[in-house]
Structures are given as structure tokens and as C-alpha cells.
């Protein structure tokens, strides 16, 4: 599917975002796994995902209000490699983990912190 956003100012003027492609995959197909999930605050979170080798990836964790709580950039050297992230900065609640690959790929999963 392809999407773009339209914004209408109070003056009635409209602006449009760039068109982006969105692909939806259930967790099994996307290769994104959060281990463990749910997680206890302070526990390390292992984020496993599939991307091309030797690719820079960004991991962002958003709270339910859309605020970025964690924003890290890693070099992904192997498809089976995962990243370890501390949950010590996260309060109890629901979060979205967003993986952005250098190749433009996006993966999103829900995380529950107890």
C-alpha cells in the first residue's frame, strides 16, 4: 500500500508529505522479535530482526503518546544478530519498537513493560 499525509492550515492551504510504501507482515514473517515480551522495567530487551548484512539500522522506542523514549543507531553485520537495549528508562506501559533500515525498510512491534 502507498500512503501520503495531507495537512490543511487554518488559512485553507494544503501541503502533502512524500508518498511512502507500507508493507504489513505479521511478526512471524517480518522477522522482528522482542525477547522477552512483556518485559520487567530494568530488564534487558533483546531486539532481533532481519535486514541485509552490513547495514546501519535505527531502533526507536515510542511511548503511547508518540514521544521517543529510546533512539539508537547500530551497524547490523549479520541477519541473525540482535541488539540488546536496557529498559531502565521505560516506565510501565505499552510502547512501539520501530526498526528503520538503511535500505528504507521499516518494522514495528508492540512492547509491554511491567
Protein backbone atom coordinates (compact mmCIF):
# COMPACT_ATOMS: atom_id res chain seq x y z
CA UNK A 1 0.00 0.00 0.00
CA UNK A 2 1.09 3.57 -0.64
CA UNK A 3 0.29 6.49 1.64
CA UNK A 4 0.82 10.22 1.99
CA UNK A 5 -0.42 12.74 4.51
CA UNK A 6 -2.27 15.95 3.77
CA UNK A 7 -2.15 18.91 6.15
CA UNK A 8 -4.61 21.78 5.94
CA UNK A 9 -3.55 25.06 7.57
CA UNK A 10 -6.02 27.46 9.18
CA UNK A 11 -5.71 29.56 6.01
CA UNK A 12 -7.03 26.62 3.97
CA UNK A 13 -3.68 25.98 2.28
CA UNK A 14 -2.85 22.28 1.88
CA UNK A 15 0.56 20.64 1.89
CA UNK A 16 1.33 16.99 1.21
CA UNK A 17 4.02 14.65 2.51
CA UNK A 18 6.07 12.41 0.26
CA UNK A 19 4.41 9.17 -0.83
CA UNK A 20 5.76 6.15 1.07
CA UNK A 21 5.23 2.42 0.61
CA UNK A 22 3.96 0.43 3.60
CA UNK A 23 4.13 -3.36 3.74
CA UNK A 24 2.42 -5.23 6.53
CA UNK A 25 3.84 -8.53 7.74
CA UNK A 26 2.75 -10.48 10.81
CA UNK A 27 5.62 -10.88 13.33
CA UNK A 28 6.47 -14.35 12.02
CA UNK A 29 7.10 -13.04 8.51
CA UNK A 30 8.77 -9.71 9.31
CA UNK A 31 11.44 -11.36 11.43
CA UNK A 32 11.12 -8.79 14.24
CA UNK A 33 11.17 -10.40 17.66
CA UNK A 34 11.26 -8.75 21.09
CA UNK A 35 12.62 -11.08 23.77
CA UNK A 36 11.18 -11.15 26.38
CA UNK A 37 7.83 -9.51 25.79
CA UNK A 38 6.32 -8.46 28.17
CA UNK A 39 9.39 -7.18 29.98
CA UNK A 40 10.00 -6.01 33.54
CA UNK A 41 11.38 -2.47 33.94
CA UNK A 42 15.18 -2.58 34.15
CA UNK A 43 15.45 -5.89 32.32
CA UNK A 44 17.48 -6.05 29.10
CA UNK A 45 15.43 -6.34 25.92
CA UNK A 46 16.80 -8.36 23.01
CA UNK A 47 15.61 -6.99 19.66
CA UNK A 48 16.06 -9.49 16.80
CA UNK A 49 15.25 -8.62 13.21
CA UNK A 50 16.18 -9.50 9.64
CA UNK A 51 17.87 -6.98 7.36
CA UNK A 52 20.58 -7.11 4.70
CA UNK A 53 24.09 -7.54 6.04
CA UNK A 54 26.37 -4.57 6.74
CA UNK A 55 23.51 -2.15 7.11
CA UNK A 56 23.01 0.71 9.53
CA UNK A 57 19.74 0.41 11.46
CA UNK A 58 17.94 2.75 13.84
CA UNK A 59 15.90 1.44 16.74
CA UNK A 60 13.36 3.84 18.19
CA UNK A 61 11.03 3.11 21.07
CA UNK A 62 7.95 5.33 21.32
CA UNK A 63 5.54 5.67 24.22
CA UNK A 64 1.79 5.55 23.64
CA UNK A 65 1.74 9.36 23.15
CA UNK A 66 4.25 9.14 20.31
CA UNK A 67 7.22 10.52 22.27
CA UNK A 68 10.60 8.94 21.52
CA UNK A 69 11.93 7.27 24.68
CA UNK A 70 14.94 5.49 23.14
CA UNK A 71 16.72 6.27 19.85
CA UNK A 72 19.82 4.20 18.98
CA UNK A 73 21.74 3.58 15.77
CA UNK A 74 23.59 0.29 15.21
CA UNK A 75 25.57 -1.39 12.47
CA UNK A 76 23.85 -4.64 11.58
CA UNK A 77 26.51 -7.11 10.45
CA UNK A 78 24.53 -10.33 10.24
CA UNK A 79 20.90 -11.25 9.61
CA UNK A 80 20.73 -13.24 12.83
CA UNK A 81 22.32 -10.56 15.00
CA UNK A 82 20.15 -8.89 17.60
CA UNK A 83 20.63 -5.79 19.70
CA UNK A 84 20.38 -5.52 23.48
CA UNK A 85 18.57 -2.47 24.86
CA UNK A 86 18.15 -1.62 28.53
CA UNK A 87 14.58 -0.91 29.59
CA UNK A 88 15.68 1.09 32.66
CA UNK A 89 14.45 4.38 31.10
CA UNK A 90 10.98 2.98 30.35
CA UNK A 91 8.05 3.28 32.75
CA UNK A 92 5.32 0.64 32.95
CA UNK A 93 3.12 0.78 29.86
CA UNK A 94 2.78 -0.02 26.18
CA UNK A 95 5.44 1.03 23.66
CA UNK A 96 6.09 0.71 19.95
CA UNK A 97 9.50 -0.51 18.81
CA UNK A 98 10.32 0.85 15.35
CA UNK A 99 13.25 -0.51 13.33
CA UNK A 100 14.39 1.57 10.33
CA UNK A 101 16.92 0.02 7.97
CA UNK A 102 19.36 1.97 5.83
CA UNK A 103 17.64 0.30 2.85
CA UNK A 104 14.36 2.05 3.78
CA UNK A 105 12.76 -0.97 5.43
CA UNK A 106 10.57 -0.46 8.50
CA UNK A 107 9.49 -2.95 11.16
CA UNK A 108 7.17 -2.18 14.09
CA UNK A 109 6.23 -4.28 17.11
CA UNK A 110 4.36 -3.63 20.35
CA UNK A 111 6.25 -3.90 23.66
CA UNK A 112 4.69 -4.20 27.11
CA UNK A 113 6.72 -3.02 30.13
CA UNK A 114 5.51 -4.14 33.57
